[in-house]
N, C-alpha and C. Protein backbone atom coordinates (compact mmCIF):
# COMPACT_ATOMS: atom_id res chain seq x y z
N MET A 1 0.82 -1.19 0.00
CA MET A 1 0.00 0.00 0.00
C MET A 1 0.87 1.26 0.00
N LEU A 2 1.98 1.18 0.73
CA LEU A 2 2.88 2.33 0.76
C LEU A 2 3.43 2.64 -0.62
N VAL A 3 3.71 1.60 -1.39
CA VAL A 3 4.23 1.79 -2.75
C VAL A 3 3.22 2.57 -3.59
N LEU A 4 1.96 2.22 -3.49
CA LEU A 4 0.93 2.92 -4.26
C LEU A 4 0.84 4.39 -3.85
N CYS A 5 0.90 4.65 -2.55
CA CYS A 5 0.81 6.03 -2.08
C CYS A 5 2.00 6.87 -2.53
N VAL A 6 3.21 6.32 -2.42
CA VAL A 6 4.40 7.06 -2.83
C VAL A 6 4.41 7.24 -4.35
N THR A 7 4.01 6.21 -5.09
CA THR A 7 3.96 6.32 -6.55
C THR A 7 2.93 7.35 -6.98
N LEU A 8 1.77 7.34 -6.35
CA LEU A 8 0.74 8.32 -6.70
C LEU A 8 1.19 9.74 -6.36
N ALA A 9 1.81 9.90 -5.20
CA ALA A 9 2.29 11.24 -4.83
C ALA A 9 3.37 11.72 -5.79
N GLY A 10 4.31 10.85 -6.13
CA GLY A 10 5.37 11.23 -7.06
C GLY A 10 4.85 11.54 -8.45
N SER A 11 3.85 10.78 -8.90
CA SER A 11 3.32 11.01 -10.25
C SER A 11 2.52 12.31 -10.31
N VAL A 12 1.72 12.58 -9.30
CA VAL A 12 0.95 13.83 -9.28
C VAL A 12 1.90 15.02 -9.19
N LEU A 13 2.92 14.87 -8.36
CA LEU A 13 3.88 15.95 -8.19
C LEU A 13 4.65 16.22 -9.49
N SER A 14 5.11 15.17 -10.16
CA SER A 14 5.85 15.35 -11.41
C SER A 14 4.98 15.91 -12.52
N ALA A 15 3.76 15.42 -12.62
CA ALA A 15 2.88 15.86 -13.69
C ALA A 15 2.36 17.27 -13.48
N SER A 16 2.36 17.75 -12.24
CA SER A 16 1.80 19.08 -11.97
C SER A 16 2.60 20.20 -12.63
N PHE A 17 3.84 19.94 -12.98
CA PHE A 17 4.66 20.98 -13.59
C PHE A 17 4.27 21.27 -15.05
N VAL A 18 3.50 20.39 -15.67
CA VAL A 18 3.08 20.63 -17.05
C VAL A 18 2.09 21.78 -17.14
N VAL A 19 1.35 22.03 -16.07
CA VAL A 19 0.38 23.12 -16.09
C VAL A 19 1.10 24.46 -16.26
N ALA A 20 2.18 24.66 -15.51
CA ALA A 20 2.95 25.90 -15.63
C ALA A 20 3.59 26.02 -17.01
N LEU A 21 4.07 24.91 -17.54
CA LEU A 21 4.68 24.95 -18.87
C LEU A 21 3.67 25.31 -19.94
N ALA A 22 2.46 24.77 -19.84
CA ALA A 22 1.42 25.08 -20.82
C ALA A 22 0.98 26.53 -20.71
N ARG A 23 0.85 27.02 -19.49
CA ARG A 23 0.48 28.43 -19.30
C ARG A 23 1.59 29.36 -19.76
N GLU A 24 2.82 28.94 -19.54
CA GLU A 24 3.97 29.73 -19.98
C GLU A 24 3.98 29.86 -21.50
N ARG A 25 3.63 28.77 -22.18
CA ARG A 25 3.59 28.82 -23.64
C ARG A 25 2.48 29.75 -24.12
N ASP A 26 1.31 29.71 -23.44
CA ASP A 26 0.21 30.59 -23.82
C ASP A 26 0.50 32.05 -23.55
N SER A 27 1.23 32.33 -22.46
CA SER A 27 1.51 33.74 -22.11
C SER A 27 2.64 34.33 -22.94
N GLY A 28 3.48 33.49 -23.52
CA GLY A 28 4.59 33.98 -24.32
C GLY A 28 5.80 34.40 -23.49
N PHE A 29 5.88 33.94 -22.23
CA PHE A 29 6.98 34.34 -21.36
C PHE A 29 8.33 33.85 -21.89
N LYS A 30 8.37 32.61 -22.38
CA LYS A 30 9.62 32.08 -22.92
C LYS A 30 10.07 32.90 -24.13
N HIS A 31 9.13 33.22 -24.99
CA HIS A 31 9.45 34.02 -26.18
C HIS A 31 9.99 35.39 -25.77
N LEU A 32 9.40 35.98 -24.74
CA LEU A 32 9.85 37.28 -24.26
C LEU A 32 11.28 37.19 -23.71
N GLN A 33 11.58 36.12 -22.98
CA GLN A 33 12.93 35.93 -22.43
C GLN A 33 13.94 35.75 -23.55
N LEU A 34 13.56 34.99 -24.57
CA LEU A 34 14.49 34.78 -25.69
C LEU A 34 14.71 36.07 -26.47
N LEU A 35 13.67 36.87 -26.63
CA LEU A 35 13.83 38.16 -27.31
C LEU A 35 14.71 39.11 -26.50
N ALA A 36 14.67 38.97 -25.17
CA ALA A 36 15.48 39.84 -24.31
C ALA A 36 16.95 39.42 -24.31
N GLY A 37 17.26 38.29 -24.93
CA GLY A 37 18.66 37.87 -25.05
C GLY A 37 19.06 36.70 -24.18
N ALA A 38 18.13 36.10 -23.48
CA ALA A 38 18.46 34.94 -22.65
C ALA A 38 18.73 33.73 -23.56
N PRO A 39 19.85 33.05 -23.36
CA PRO A 39 20.09 31.84 -24.17
C PRO A 39 19.08 30.76 -23.82
N PRO A 40 18.63 29.99 -24.80
CA PRO A 40 17.64 28.93 -24.52
C PRO A 40 18.13 27.92 -23.49
N THR A 41 19.42 27.58 -23.52
CA THR A 41 19.92 26.61 -22.54
C THR A 41 19.86 27.17 -21.13
N ALA A 42 20.17 28.45 -20.97
CA ALA A 42 20.09 29.07 -19.65
C ALA A 42 18.64 29.15 -19.18
N PHE A 43 17.71 29.43 -20.09
CA PHE A 43 16.30 29.49 -19.74
C PHE A 43 15.80 28.14 -19.23
N TRP A 44 16.10 27.08 -19.98
CA TRP A 44 15.62 25.76 -19.58
C TRP A 44 16.36 25.24 -18.36
N ALA A 45 17.66 25.53 -18.23
CA ALA A 45 18.40 25.09 -17.05
C ALA A 45 17.87 25.77 -15.79
N ALA A 46 17.57 27.05 -15.88
CA ALA A 46 17.02 27.76 -14.72
C ALA A 46 15.63 27.23 -14.36
N ASN A 47 14.82 26.98 -15.37
CA ASN A 47 13.49 26.40 -15.11
C ASN A 47 13.61 25.02 -14.46
N PHE A 48 14.52 24.21 -14.99
CA PHE A 48 14.67 22.86 -14.45
C PHE A 48 15.17 22.91 -13.01
N ALA A 49 16.13 23.77 -12.74
CA ALA A 49 16.66 23.88 -11.37
C ALA A 49 15.56 24.36 -10.41
N ALA A 50 14.77 25.34 -10.82
CA ALA A 50 13.69 25.83 -9.97
C ALA A 50 12.62 24.74 -9.77
N ASP A 51 12.31 24.01 -10.82
CA ASP A 51 11.32 22.95 -10.69
C ASP A 51 11.83 21.80 -9.83
N MET A 52 13.12 21.47 -9.93
CA MET A 52 13.68 20.41 -9.08
C MET A 52 13.67 20.84 -7.61
N LEU A 53 13.92 22.12 -7.35
CA LEU A 53 13.83 22.62 -5.98
C LEU A 53 12.39 22.54 -5.49
N ALA A 54 11.45 22.94 -6.35
CA ALA A 54 10.04 22.86 -5.98
C ALA A 54 9.60 21.41 -5.81
N PHE A 55 10.19 20.47 -6.53
CA PHE A 55 9.87 19.05 -6.37
C PHE A 55 10.50 18.50 -5.09
N SER A 56 11.71 18.95 -4.78
CA SER A 56 12.46 18.39 -3.65
C SER A 56 11.80 18.66 -2.31
N LEU A 57 11.12 19.79 -2.18
CA LEU A 57 10.49 20.10 -0.90
C LEU A 57 9.37 19.12 -0.55
N PRO A 58 8.37 18.89 -1.41
CA PRO A 58 7.36 17.89 -1.08
C PRO A 58 7.92 16.46 -1.03
N ALA A 59 8.91 16.16 -1.88
CA ALA A 59 9.52 14.83 -1.84
C ALA A 59 10.23 14.62 -0.51
N GLY A 60 10.87 15.66 0.00
CA GLY A 60 11.47 15.58 1.33
C GLY A 60 10.42 15.36 2.40
N GLY A 61 9.26 15.98 2.22
CA GLY A 61 8.15 15.75 3.16
C GLY A 61 7.66 14.32 3.13
N ILE A 62 7.61 13.73 1.95
CA ILE A 62 7.21 12.32 1.85
C ILE A 62 8.20 11.43 2.58
N VAL A 63 9.48 11.68 2.37
CA VAL A 63 10.51 10.88 3.05
C VAL A 63 10.44 11.11 4.55
N ALA A 64 10.21 12.35 4.99
CA ALA A 64 10.10 12.63 6.42
C ALA A 64 8.91 11.91 7.04
N LEU A 65 7.79 11.87 6.33
CA LEU A 65 6.62 11.15 6.85
C LEU A 65 6.90 9.65 6.97
N VAL A 66 7.60 9.10 5.99
CA VAL A 66 7.95 7.68 6.07
C VAL A 66 8.91 7.46 7.24
N ALA A 67 9.84 8.38 7.45
CA ALA A 67 10.79 8.24 8.56
C ALA A 67 10.08 8.36 9.91
N LEU A 68 9.07 9.24 9.99
CA LEU A 68 8.35 9.40 11.24
C LEU A 68 7.51 8.18 11.60
N THR A 69 7.08 7.45 10.60
CA THR A 69 6.32 6.22 10.86
C THR A 69 7.25 5.02 10.92
N GLY A 70 8.51 5.25 11.24
CA GLY A 70 9.53 4.21 11.25
C GLY A 70 9.26 3.08 12.21
N LYS A 71 8.55 3.37 13.30
CA LYS A 71 8.26 2.30 14.27
C LYS A 71 7.30 1.27 13.68
N ARG A 72 6.44 1.73 12.78
CA ARG A 72 5.52 0.81 12.12
C ARG A 72 6.15 0.15 10.90
N LEU A 73 7.16 0.80 10.34
CA LEU A 73 7.82 0.30 9.13
C LEU A 73 9.32 0.14 9.38
N PRO A 74 9.70 -0.84 10.19
CA PRO A 74 11.13 -0.98 10.48
C PRO A 74 11.95 -1.38 9.26
N SER A 75 11.29 -1.89 8.23
CA SER A 75 12.03 -2.27 7.01
C SER A 75 12.44 -1.06 6.18
N LEU A 76 11.92 0.13 6.51
CA LEU A 76 12.28 1.34 5.77
C LEU A 76 13.10 2.29 6.64
N GLN A 77 14.13 1.79 7.25
CA GLN A 77 15.03 2.60 8.06
C GLN A 77 16.44 2.51 7.51
N GLY A 78 17.25 3.49 7.85
CA GLY A 78 18.66 3.47 7.48
C GLY A 78 18.88 3.54 5.98
N PRO A 79 19.62 2.56 5.44
CA PRO A 79 19.94 2.63 4.01
C PRO A 79 18.72 2.50 3.11
N ARG A 80 17.70 1.81 3.55
CA ARG A 80 16.50 1.68 2.72
C ARG A 80 15.74 3.00 2.63
N LEU A 81 15.76 3.78 3.70
CA LEU A 81 15.13 5.10 3.66
C LEU A 81 15.92 6.03 2.73
N ALA A 82 17.24 5.93 2.77
CA ALA A 82 18.07 6.71 1.85
C ALA A 82 17.83 6.28 0.40
N ALA A 83 17.63 4.98 0.19
CA ALA A 83 17.33 4.49 -1.15
C ALA A 83 15.97 5.02 -1.62
N LEU A 84 14.99 5.06 -0.72
CA LEU A 84 13.68 5.63 -1.08
C LEU A 84 13.82 7.09 -1.47
N ALA A 85 14.59 7.84 -0.70
CA ALA A 85 14.79 9.26 -1.00
C ALA A 85 15.47 9.45 -2.35
N SER A 86 16.51 8.68 -2.61
CA SER A 86 17.22 8.85 -3.88
C SER A 86 16.37 8.39 -5.06
N LEU A 87 15.60 7.32 -4.89
CA LEU A 87 14.72 6.88 -5.98
C LEU A 87 13.60 7.88 -6.25
N LEU A 88 13.06 8.47 -5.19
CA LEU A 88 12.01 9.46 -5.37
C LEU A 88 12.57 10.70 -6.06
N TRP A 89 13.78 11.10 -5.70
CA TRP A 89 14.40 12.26 -6.34
C TRP A 89 14.74 11.95 -7.80
N ALA A 90 15.22 10.75 -8.07
CA ALA A 90 15.53 10.35 -9.45
C ALA A 90 14.25 10.27 -10.28
N PHE A 91 13.17 9.77 -9.67
CA PHE A 91 11.88 9.73 -10.36
C PHE A 91 11.42 11.14 -10.69
N GLY A 92 11.66 12.08 -9.79
CA GLY A 92 11.30 13.47 -10.04
C GLY A 92 12.09 14.07 -11.19
N ALA A 93 13.40 13.81 -11.21
CA ALA A 93 14.22 14.33 -12.31
C ALA A 93 13.80 13.73 -13.64
N ALA A 94 13.53 12.44 -13.65
CA ALA A 94 13.09 11.79 -14.88
C ALA A 94 11.70 12.29 -15.29
N GLY A 95 10.82 12.46 -14.32
CA GLY A 95 9.48 12.95 -14.62
C GLY A 95 9.48 14.38 -15.15
N LEU A 96 10.32 15.22 -14.54
CA LEU A 96 10.41 16.60 -15.04
C LEU A 96 11.00 16.66 -16.44
N SER A 97 12.02 15.85 -16.69
CA SER A 97 12.61 15.82 -18.03
C SER A 97 11.58 15.36 -19.06
N THR A 98 10.83 14.33 -18.71
CA THR A 98 9.79 13.84 -19.61
C THR A 98 8.69 14.88 -19.80
N THR A 99 8.33 15.56 -18.73
CA THR A 99 7.33 16.62 -18.82
C THR A 99 7.79 17.72 -19.75
N TYR A 100 9.06 18.11 -19.64
CA TYR A 100 9.59 19.15 -20.52
C TYR A 100 9.57 18.69 -21.97
N MET A 101 9.87 17.43 -22.22
CA MET A 101 9.89 16.95 -23.60
C MET A 101 8.49 16.80 -24.18
N LEU A 102 7.51 16.42 -23.36
CA LEU A 102 6.18 16.12 -23.88
C LEU A 102 5.22 17.31 -23.85
N HIS A 103 5.53 18.38 -23.15
CA HIS A 103 4.55 19.45 -23.03
C HIS A 103 4.18 20.12 -24.36
N PRO A 104 5.04 20.16 -25.39
CA PRO A 104 4.59 20.81 -26.63
C PRO A 104 3.47 20.08 -27.37
N ILE A 105 3.27 18.79 -27.11
CA ILE A 105 2.23 18.07 -27.86
C ILE A 105 0.84 18.30 -27.29
N PHE A 106 0.74 18.94 -26.13
CA PHE A 106 -0.56 19.18 -25.50
C PHE A 106 -0.94 20.65 -25.67
N SER A 107 -2.20 20.87 -26.04
CA SER A 107 -2.68 22.25 -26.12
C SER A 107 -3.49 22.62 -24.89
N ASP A 108 -4.10 21.63 -24.25
CA ASP A 108 -4.91 21.87 -23.06
C ASP A 108 -4.12 21.43 -21.83
N GLU A 109 -3.96 22.34 -20.88
CA GLU A 109 -3.12 22.03 -19.72
C GLU A 109 -3.72 20.96 -18.81
N MET A 110 -5.04 20.92 -18.68
CA MET A 110 -5.65 19.91 -17.83
C MET A 110 -5.59 18.52 -18.45
N ARG A 111 -5.72 18.46 -19.76
CA ARG A 111 -5.57 17.18 -20.44
C ARG A 111 -4.13 16.68 -20.32
N ALA A 112 -3.19 17.60 -20.44
CA ALA A 112 -1.78 17.24 -20.27
C ALA A 112 -1.52 16.72 -18.86
N LEU A 113 -2.09 17.39 -17.87
CA LEU A 113 -1.92 16.95 -16.48
C LEU A 113 -2.49 15.55 -16.28
N GLN A 114 -3.66 15.32 -16.82
CA GLN A 114 -4.31 14.01 -16.68
C GLN A 114 -3.50 12.91 -17.37
N ARG A 115 -3.08 13.15 -18.58
CA ARG A 115 -2.35 12.12 -19.33
C ARG A 115 -0.99 11.82 -18.72
N LEU A 116 -0.26 12.87 -18.35
CA LEU A 116 1.07 12.64 -17.78
C LEU A 116 0.97 12.01 -16.39
N ASN A 117 -0.02 12.41 -15.61
CA ASN A 117 -0.21 11.78 -14.30
C ASN A 117 -0.48 10.29 -14.46
N SER A 118 -1.34 9.95 -15.39
CA SER A 118 -1.63 8.53 -15.63
C SER A 118 -0.40 7.78 -16.11
N ALA A 119 0.36 8.38 -17.01
CA ALA A 119 1.56 7.72 -17.53
C ALA A 119 2.60 7.52 -16.43
N TYR A 120 2.81 8.52 -15.59
CA TYR A 120 3.80 8.40 -14.52
C TYR A 120 3.37 7.37 -13.47
N PHE A 121 2.07 7.38 -13.14
CA PHE A 121 1.59 6.41 -12.15
C PHE A 121 1.72 4.99 -12.69
N LEU A 122 1.33 4.78 -13.95
CA LEU A 122 1.46 3.43 -14.52
C LEU A 122 2.91 2.98 -14.60
N THR A 123 3.80 3.90 -14.93
CA THR A 123 5.22 3.56 -14.98
C THR A 123 5.73 3.13 -13.61
N GLY A 124 5.39 3.90 -12.59
CA GLY A 124 5.81 3.56 -11.23
C GLY A 124 5.20 2.27 -10.74
N TYR A 125 3.91 2.08 -11.01
CA TYR A 125 3.24 0.87 -10.54
C TYR A 125 3.74 -0.37 -11.28
N LEU A 126 3.94 -0.26 -12.58
CA LEU A 126 4.47 -1.41 -13.33
C LEU A 126 5.91 -1.73 -12.91
N GLY A 127 6.67 -0.70 -12.57
CA GLY A 127 8.01 -0.94 -12.03
C GLY A 127 7.95 -1.68 -10.71
N PHE A 128 6.99 -1.31 -9.85
CA PHE A 128 6.81 -2.04 -8.59
C PHE A 128 6.42 -3.48 -8.85
N LEU A 129 5.49 -3.71 -9.77
CA LEU A 129 5.08 -5.08 -10.07
C LEU A 129 6.24 -5.91 -10.61
N ALA A 130 7.05 -5.32 -11.48
CA ALA A 130 8.19 -6.06 -12.02
C ALA A 130 9.18 -6.42 -10.92
N THR A 131 9.41 -5.50 -10.00
CA THR A 131 10.30 -5.78 -8.88
C THR A 131 9.73 -6.85 -7.97
N TRP A 132 8.44 -6.75 -7.69
CA TRP A 132 7.79 -7.70 -6.79
C TRP A 132 7.78 -9.11 -7.40
N VAL A 133 7.42 -9.21 -8.66
CA VAL A 133 7.40 -10.52 -9.33
C VAL A 133 8.81 -11.07 -9.44
N GLY A 134 9.77 -10.23 -9.77
CA GLY A 134 11.16 -10.69 -9.86
C GLY A 134 11.69 -11.18 -8.53
N ARG A 135 11.32 -10.52 -7.46
CA ARG A 135 11.77 -10.95 -6.13
C ARG A 135 11.10 -12.26 -5.73
N ARG A 136 9.83 -12.43 -6.08
CA ARG A 136 9.15 -13.69 -5.76
C ARG A 136 9.75 -14.84 -6.57
N ASP A 137 10.09 -14.59 -7.85
CA ASP A 137 10.73 -15.62 -8.66
C ASP A 137 12.09 -15.99 -8.09
N LEU A 138 12.82 -15.01 -7.60
CA LEU A 138 14.12 -15.28 -7.01
C LEU A 138 13.97 -16.10 -5.75
N GLN A 139 12.96 -15.81 -4.93
CA GLN A 139 12.73 -16.58 -3.70
C GLN A 139 12.35 -18.01 -4.04
N ILE A 140 11.52 -18.18 -5.06
CA ILE A 140 11.12 -19.53 -5.45
C ILE A 140 12.33 -20.31 -5.97
N THR A 141 13.19 -19.66 -6.72
CA THR A 141 14.37 -20.34 -7.26
C THR A 141 15.32 -20.74 -6.13
N LEU A 142 15.45 -19.89 -5.11
CA LEU A 142 16.37 -20.18 -4.01
C LEU A 142 15.85 -21.29 -3.11
N ILE A 143 14.54 -21.49 -3.09
CA ILE A 143 13.99 -22.55 -2.24
C ILE A 143 14.21 -23.87 -2.90
């Protein structure tokens, strides 16, 4: 159940950045920055850094909540908690990169949010299923 909650939180968080990108395209802010002389790489690097910072705060809250419930989840302490934090942060970086690449194909920001949220959740959930099935197969082989 924890996997579903963390996957859903990470997918909603990653997909939420497409709304700002779609509104930015409609407002012409990027075009204005490029006309003012900002290099495109600096524009996208600054956006990505700001979005990763905005992603890291709620992701840190998710990890803190898991750490606070450590008495109920002793299997998620120490190195496993650090692994959860690094995987959640890596999922955020991958999700933001994918969001940046896919946002031009959407004209409606809410449709983009819905589609990307579904895609990220399915990716995370199918990754969990593959890990779970692989671990069960390994246990059966070892027995």
